């Protein structure tokens, strides 16, 4: 991956939290035309961009111009509820200090952006703000051409499927954050190049990749298929592996024995003590498409047993399940985990 030199940002859900005002303004439109309103969960599940396509499903008889007027009026009365998201200002400062030009690409109306940008003191960070871009795919090519940006050196960060699709359309690096409108499941379905919880994690990633380096030697890691007393195996779902299910594990530290690393990583990720640890196989894992960034791993895979069942996940994982091994194979697994389970079953 080339060094990122240019940053394009979405506004709503990426830099600012405006979910409740947007939901309220949308429901005001539905009420105006005697349509059923949506709960927050329904809105997260059903809302998508471009706006025109969303409203065409629910209020097809009304023009976009008329809907826009109603929305603008309702949202304006709620605008003081909008807040800058955690880590947003620090991220903007980092980009500015690093000399990376910032561009805004958003559906937000210009008046709302000017009001919010002035209130938060962030308007001046942007080299240019492309607002009212209701179909961002039509705008990103103009942005890239106007400023002669190299797509491979440009990242577009957003919180919705449309942002990822826009980045892919423009040929730039697509980066999804989980601070806005679309869930991890929805975002993963369009295969962004990167997925992070928030802008702090994006900043850390950019800091690690500020200089273009040759490929590094493989990273040695350990992982275990863990059985409980019932004979069930532990499956863990993580955003780093495209929201797929896998096993706990991690990197071996310098001067650390592999089994010691396994006990440590499993304890850190699950709080489970292990016994009856058995080495099973080694896997080459070269630039796996399912992983959130380019990498080359040597995976040292084990099986193990535990007398405990209570799992305490750290912040690297989303959820866990104890399941029979046959049921595990029916789950959406990452490829190395599926390989391990098939190996264990055949041996």
Protein backbone atom coordinates (compact mmCIF):
# COMPACT_ATOMS: atom_id res chain seq x y z
CA UNK A 1 0.00 0.00 0.00
CA UNK A 2 1.36 3.43 -0.94
CA UNK A 3 1.90 6.11 1.68
CA UNK A 4 -1.28 8.12 2.26
CA UNK A 5 -0.71 11.77 1.37
CA UNK A 6 -4.29 13.07 0.95
CA UNK A 7 -7.35 12.62 3.17
CA UNK A 8 -11.01 12.89 2.16
CA UNK A 9 -13.52 12.87 5.01
CA UNK A 10 -17.25 12.41 5.32
CA UNK A 11 -19.01 14.69 7.83
CA UNK A 12 -22.06 13.09 9.45
CA UNK A 13 -21.17 10.05 11.55
CA UNK A 14 -17.46 10.44 10.77
CA UNK A 15 -16.54 13.82 12.24
CA UNK A 16 -19.80 14.78 13.96
CA UNK A 17 -22.56 12.95 15.79
CA UNK A 18 -25.83 14.14 14.25
CA UNK A 19 -27.74 10.86 14.27
CA UNK A 20 -30.62 11.94 16.55
CA UNK A 21 -31.27 15.26 14.76
CA UNK A 22 -31.18 13.51 11.37
CA UNK A 23 -33.57 10.82 12.60
CA UNK A 24 -35.92 13.45 14.05
CA UNK A 25 -35.87 15.50 10.83
CA UNK A 26 -36.51 12.38 8.74
CA UNK A 27 -39.44 11.35 10.94
CA UNK A 28 -40.83 14.90 10.66
CA UNK A 29 -40.97 14.37 6.89
CA UNK A 30 -42.70 11.02 7.34
CA UNK A 31 -45.27 12.63 9.63
CA UNK A 32 -45.81 15.45 7.13
CA UNK A 33 -46.83 12.90 4.50
CA UNK A 34 -48.60 10.56 6.94
CA UNK A 35 -46.04 7.79 6.66
CA UNK A 36 -44.95 5.50 9.53
CA UNK A 37 -42.01 6.87 11.49
CA UNK A 38 -38.88 4.84 12.31
CA UNK A 39 -37.19 3.92 15.55
CA UNK A 40 -33.45 4.46 15.88
CA UNK A 41 -32.75 0.77 15.21
CA UNK A 42 -35.04 0.73 12.18
CA UNK A 43 -33.39 3.86 10.81
CA UNK A 44 -29.88 2.41 11.20
CA UNK A 45 -30.99 -0.71 9.39
CA UNK A 46 -32.96 0.91 6.56
CA UNK A 47 -31.32 4.29 5.90
CA UNK A 48 -28.88 4.53 3.03
CA UNK A 49 -27.43 6.98 0.53
CA UNK A 50 -28.04 8.52 -1.95
CA UNK A 51 -30.96 10.30 -0.23
CA UNK A 52 -33.00 10.27 -3.42
CA UNK A 53 -33.03 6.48 -3.58
CA UNK A 54 -33.93 6.18 0.12
CA UNK A 55 -36.91 8.53 -0.10
CA UNK A 56 -38.03 6.99 -3.39
CA UNK A 57 -38.84 3.82 -1.43
CA UNK A 58 -40.89 5.49 1.30
CA UNK A 59 -42.30 8.68 -0.28
CA UNK A 60 -42.05 8.14 -4.06
CA UNK A 61 -44.82 10.63 -4.85
CA UNK A 62 -42.96 13.70 -3.52
CA UNK A 63 -40.17 15.51 -5.36
CA UNK A 64 -36.69 15.68 -3.87
CA UNK A 65 -36.85 19.48 -3.87
CA UNK A 66 -39.97 19.46 -1.70
CA UNK A 67 -38.53 16.85 0.66
CA UNK A 68 -35.31 18.82 0.91
CA UNK A 69 -37.19 21.93 2.02
CA UNK A 70 -39.02 20.03 4.77
CA UNK A 71 -35.83 18.37 5.96
CA UNK A 72 -33.87 21.63 5.98
CA UNK A 73 -36.54 23.36 8.07
CA UNK A 74 -36.78 20.51 10.63
CA UNK A 75 -33.05 19.91 10.93
CA UNK A 76 -32.28 23.59 11.41
CA UNK A 77 -34.33 23.64 14.62
CA UNK A 78 -32.34 20.68 15.98
CA UNK A 79 -28.86 21.69 14.87
CA UNK A 80 -27.63 22.65 18.33
CA UNK A 81 -27.82 18.97 19.31
CA UNK A 82 -25.04 18.09 16.84
CA UNK A 83 -21.67 17.45 18.53
CA UNK A 84 -18.13 16.82 17.36
CA UNK A 85 -17.28 13.13 17.72
CA UNK A 86 -14.53 12.02 20.13
CA UNK A 87 -11.06 12.00 18.48
CA UNK A 88 -12.26 14.14 15.54
CA UNK A 89 -10.33 17.29 16.43
CA UNK A 90 -7.19 15.31 17.29
CA UNK A 91 -7.40 13.57 13.92
CA UNK A 92 -7.78 16.87 12.06
CA UNK A 93 -4.83 18.30 13.98
CA UNK A 94 -2.71 15.28 13.12
CA UNK A 95 -3.45 15.60 9.41
CA UNK A 96 -2.70 19.32 9.47
CA UNK A 97 0.58 18.86 11.35
CA UNK A 98 1.58 16.04 8.99
CA UNK A 99 1.02 18.21 5.93
CA UNK A 100 -1.77 16.03 4.51
CA UNK A 101 -4.38 18.15 2.71
CA UNK A 102 -7.91 17.54 3.95
CA UNK A 103 -11.03 17.53 1.78
CA UNK A 104 -14.64 17.18 2.84
CA UNK A 105 -17.05 15.11 0.73
CA UNK A 106 -20.51 15.10 2.27
CA UNK A 107 -24.23 15.23 1.58
CA UNK A 108 -24.66 17.92 4.24
CA UNK A 109 -26.29 21.15 3.09
CA UNK A 110 -23.87 24.02 2.80
CA UNK A 111 -25.68 26.18 5.33
CA UNK A 112 -25.60 23.41 7.94
CA UNK A 113 -21.92 22.73 7.28
CA UNK A 114 -21.00 26.40 7.59
CA UNK A 115 -22.96 26.70 10.84
CA UNK A 116 -21.53 23.55 12.40
CA UNK A 117 -18.03 24.05 11.03
CA UNK A 118 -17.91 27.54 12.51
CA UNK A 119 -19.33 26.41 15.86
CA UNK A 120 -16.76 23.59 16.16
CA UNK A 121 -13.92 25.70 14.78
CA UNK A 122 -12.96 23.15 12.11
CA UNK A 123 -13.96 24.89 8.88
CA UNK A 124 -10.43 26.12 8.19
CA UNK A 125 -8.93 22.61 8.27
CA UNK A 126 -10.30 21.77 4.84
CA UNK A 127 -8.59 22.69 1.61
CA UNK A 128 -12.04 22.44 0.06
CA UNK A 129 -15.44 21.27 1.26
CA UNK A 130 -17.52 19.44 -1.33
CA UNK A 131 -20.97 19.61 0.25
CA UNK A 132 -24.49 18.80 -0.99
CA UNK A 133 -22.87 15.86 -2.81
CA UNK A 134 -25.99 13.69 -2.75
CA UNK A 135 -24.30 11.05 -4.90
CA UNK A 136 -20.67 11.22 -3.84
CA UNK A 137 -19.57 8.94 -6.68
CA UNK A 138 -20.32 11.77 -9.10
CA UNK A 139 -18.13 14.17 -7.12
CA UNK A 140 -15.04 12.20 -6.15
CA UNK A 141 -13.68 11.99 -9.70
CA UNK A 142 -13.95 15.78 -10.03
CA UNK A 143 -12.18 16.21 -6.70
CA UNK A 144 -9.32 13.91 -7.71
CA UNK A 145 -8.95 15.58 -11.10
CA UNK A 146 -9.20 19.16 -9.87
CA UNK A 147 -6.43 18.73 -7.30
CA UNK A 148 -4.49 16.13 -9.31
CA UNK A 149 -4.52 13.63 -6.45
CA UNK A 150 -3.01 10.20 -6.94
CA UNK A 151 -5.80 7.72 -5.98
CA UNK A 152 -3.36 5.21 -4.44
CA UNK A 153 -2.09 7.97 -2.13
CA UNK A 154 -5.58 9.14 -1.13
CA UNK A 155 -7.90 7.76 1.54
CA UNK A 156 -11.64 8.38 1.90
CA UNK A 157 -12.94 7.90 5.44
CA UNK A 158 -16.66 7.51 6.05
CA UNK A 159 -19.25 5.68 8.11
CA UNK A 160 -21.65 4.41 5.43
CA UNK A 161 -21.72 1.86 2.65
CA UNK A 162 -22.06 4.68 0.11
CA UNK A 163 -18.76 6.15 1.36
CA UNK A 164 -16.98 2.84 0.80
CA UNK A 165 -18.56 2.46 -2.64
CA UNK A 166 -17.55 6.03 -3.48
CA UNK A 167 -13.93 5.32 -2.54
CA UNK A 168 -13.96 2.17 -4.63
CA UNK A 169 -15.49 4.07 -7.55
CA UNK A 170 -12.72 6.67 -7.34
CA UNK A 171 -9.98 4.07 -6.93
CA UNK A 172 -8.83 5.50 -3.58
CA UNK A 173 -8.24 3.64 -0.31
CA UNK A 174 -11.61 2.97 1.36
CA UNK A 175 -11.74 3.33 5.14
CA UNK A 176 -14.87 2.72 7.22
CA UNK A 177 -15.37 3.89 10.81
CA UNK A 178 -17.94 2.51 13.24
CA UNK A 179 -19.01 5.85 14.73
CA UNK A 180 -21.97 6.63 12.52
CA UNK A 181 -24.97 5.31 10.68
CA UNK A 182 -24.05 1.90 9.26
CA UNK A 183 -23.33 -1.18 11.33
CA UNK A 184 -20.24 -3.34 11.08
CA UNK A 185 -22.29 -5.95 9.23
CA UNK A 186 -23.48 -3.46 6.60
CA UNK A 187 -20.02 -1.94 6.15
CA UNK A 188 -18.32 -5.32 5.89
CA UNK A 189 -20.73 -6.33 3.12
CA UNK A 190 -19.08 -3.83 0.73
CA UNK A 191 -15.50 -4.90 1.61
CA UNK A 192 -13.69 -1.68 2.58
CA UNK A 193 -9.90 -1.77 2.53
CA UNK A 194 -9.83 -0.76 6.21
CA UNK A 195 -12.33 -0.82 9.09
CA UNK A 196 -11.70 0.95 12.39
CA UNK A 197 -13.75 1.73 15.47
CA UNK A 198 -13.00 5.46 15.38
CA UNK A 199 -10.68 8.17 14.06
CA UNK A 200 -8.15 7.52 16.81
CA UNK A 201 -7.51 4.10 15.30
CA UNK A 202 -7.33 5.61 11.81
CA UNK A 203 -4.73 8.10 13.07
CA UNK A 204 -2.67 5.29 14.59
CA UNK A 205 -2.78 3.40 11.30
CA UNK A 206 -1.63 6.44 9.31
CA UNK A 207 1.14 7.08 11.82
CA UNK A 208 2.43 3.54 11.39
CA UNK A 209 2.43 3.87 7.61
CA UNK A 210 3.85 7.36 7.14
CA UNK A 211 6.89 5.98 5.34
CA UNK A 212 6.75 3.51 2.50
CA UNK A 213 8.72 0.47 3.59
CA UNK A 214 9.60 -2.81 1.87
CA UNK A 215 7.59 -5.85 2.87
CA UNK A 216 8.56 -7.15 6.30
CA UNK A 217 9.38 -10.78 7.13
CA UNK A 218 6.40 -12.90 8.20
CA UNK A 219 4.97 -12.25 11.66
CA UNK A 220 4.83 -15.33 13.91
CA UNK A 221 1.51 -15.72 15.71
CA UNK A 222 -0.25 -18.31 17.86
CA UNK A 223 -3.90 -19.26 18.08
CA UNK A 224 -5.95 -22.04 19.63
CA UNK A 225 -9.14 -23.91 18.95
CA UNK A 226 -10.37 -24.12 22.55
CA UNK A 227 -12.71 -26.83 23.86
CA UNK A 228 -14.82 -26.55 27.00
CA UNK A 229 -15.95 -29.42 29.24
CA UNK A 230 -18.98 -30.02 27.01
CA UNK A 231 -16.78 -30.51 23.95
CA UNK A 232 -17.87 -27.22 22.40
CA UNK A 233 -15.36 -24.90 20.71
CA UNK A 234 -14.96 -21.16 21.25
CA UNK A 235 -15.60 -18.89 18.27
CA UNK A 236 -14.83 -15.17 18.38
CA UNK A 237 -15.98 -12.52 15.89
CA UNK A 238 -13.68 -9.57 15.20
CA UNK A 239 -13.77 -6.53 12.92
CA UNK A 240 -10.09 -7.05 12.04
CA UNK A 241 -11.09 -10.16 10.10
CA UNK A 242 -13.97 -8.55 8.19
CA UNK A 243 -16.52 -9.41 10.90
CA UNK A 244 -15.86 -13.13 10.39
CA UNK A 245 -15.57 -15.73 13.16
CA UNK A 246 -12.23 -17.12 14.27
CA UNK A 247 -10.14 -18.22 17.24
CA UNK A 248 -8.28 -16.21 19.90
CA UNK A 249 -4.56 -15.59 19.46
CA UNK A 250 -1.95 -13.03 18.58
CA UNK A 251 1.72 -12.21 18.01
CA UNK A 252 4.64 -13.88 19.71
CA UNK A 253 6.77 -11.34 21.57
CA UNK A 254 10.59 -11.29 21.33
CA UNK A 255 12.23 -13.97 23.52
CA UNK A 256 8.83 -15.53 24.25
CA UNK A 257 8.14 -19.23 23.79
CA UNK A 258 5.22 -19.97 21.50
CA UNK A 259 3.16 -21.80 24.14
CA UNK A 260 3.78 -19.00 26.63
CA UNK A 261 2.54 -16.55 24.00
CA UNK A 262 -0.56 -18.68 23.49
CA UNK A 263 -1.43 -18.70 27.20
CA UNK A 264 -0.84 -14.95 27.42
CA UNK A 265 -2.83 -14.02 24.30
CA UNK A 266 -5.79 -16.23 25.22
CA UNK A 267 -5.85 -14.82 28.74
CA UNK A 268 -5.70 -11.22 27.43
CA UNK A 269 -8.45 -11.80 24.86
CA UNK A 270 -10.80 -14.16 26.73
CA UNK A 271 -9.66 -14.44 30.41
CA UNK A 272 -9.62 -18.24 29.97
CA UNK A 273 -6.88 -20.42 31.55
CA UNK A 274 -5.75 -23.25 29.27
CA UNK A 275 -4.69 -26.81 29.88
CA UNK A 276 -3.97 -29.82 27.63
CA UNK A 277 -2.39 -27.63 24.96
CA UNK A 278 -1.45 -29.52 21.78
CA UNK A 279 0.32 -28.21 18.67
CA UNK A 280 -1.60 -28.99 15.46
CA UNK A 281 -0.26 -27.21 12.37
CA UNK A 282 1.46 -24.18 10.80
CA UNK A 283 -0.29 -22.07 8.17
CA UNK A 284 1.19 -19.58 5.73
CA UNK A 285 -1.16 -16.60 5.63
CA UNK A 286 0.09 -14.16 3.00
CA UNK A 287 -1.85 -10.92 2.53
CA UNK A 288 -5.22 -12.41 3.50
CA UNK A 289 -8.03 -10.44 1.88
CA UNK A 290 -10.17 -10.91 4.98
CA UNK A 291 -7.70 -9.11 7.24
CA UNK A 292 -8.12 -5.35 7.65
CA UNK A 293 -4.64 -4.49 6.37
CA UNK A 294 -1.87 -6.04 4.31
CA UNK A 295 0.04 -8.62 6.31
CA UNK A 296 2.01 -11.89 6.14
CA UNK A 297 1.58 -14.26 9.07
CA UNK A 298 2.99 -17.62 10.08
CA UNK A 299 0.14 -19.06 12.11
CA UNK A 300 1.09 -21.61 14.77
CA UNK A 301 -2.19 -23.36 15.48
CA UNK A 302 -3.00 -25.37 18.61
CA UNK A 303 -5.91 -27.08 20.26
CA UNK A 304 -6.49 -26.63 23.97
CA UNK A 305 -9.00 -27.28 26.72
CA UNK A 306 -10.33 -25.11 29.50
CA UNK A 307 -12.39 -25.85 32.61
CA UNK A 308 -13.94 -22.38 32.47
CA UNK A 309 -16.80 -21.17 30.24
CA UNK A 310 -17.11 -17.52 31.24
CA UNK A 311 -15.41 -15.47 28.54
CA UNK A 312 -14.37 -11.85 29.08
CA UNK A 313 -13.55 -10.26 25.72
CA UNK A 314 -11.14 -7.36 25.34
CA UNK A 315 -11.76 -4.53 22.88
CA UNK A 316 -10.40 -6.47 19.89
CA UNK A 317 -13.49 -8.69 19.59
CA UNK A 318 -17.19 -8.11 19.03
CA UNK A 319 -18.79 -11.28 20.44
CA UNK A 320 -18.18 -14.96 21.22
CA UNK A 321 -20.04 -18.28 21.09
CA UNK A 322 -19.46 -21.80 22.42
CA UNK A 323 -20.70 -24.16 19.70
CA UNK A 324 -20.28 -27.81 18.61
CA UNK A 325 -17.45 -28.09 16.11
CA UNK A 326 -19.83 -29.13 13.31
CA UNK A 327 -21.91 -26.02 13.92
CA UNK A 328 -18.76 -23.90 13.84
CA UNK A 329 -18.17 -25.01 10.25
CA UNK A 330 -21.58 -23.60 9.31
CA UNK A 331 -20.61 -20.13 10.59
CA UNK A 332 -18.95 -17.44 8.42
CA UNK A 333 -15.35 -18.27 9.38
CA UNK A 334 -12.13 -16.63 8.32
CA UNK A 335 -10.10 -18.92 6.06
CA UNK A 336 -7.30 -19.88 8.52
CA UNK A 337 -9.86 -20.92 11.14
CA UNK A 338 -11.77 -23.04 8.64
CA UNK A 339 -8.49 -24.68 7.59
CA UNK A 340 -7.64 -25.46 11.21
CA UNK A 341 -11.03 -26.97 12.03
CA UNK A 342 -10.97 -29.12 8.90
CA UNK A 343 -7.46 -30.29 9.79
CA UNK A 344 -8.44 -31.14 13.37
CA UNK A 345 -11.53 -33.06 12.24
CA UNK A 346 -9.55 -35.06 9.67
CA UNK A 347 -6.83 -35.98 12.18
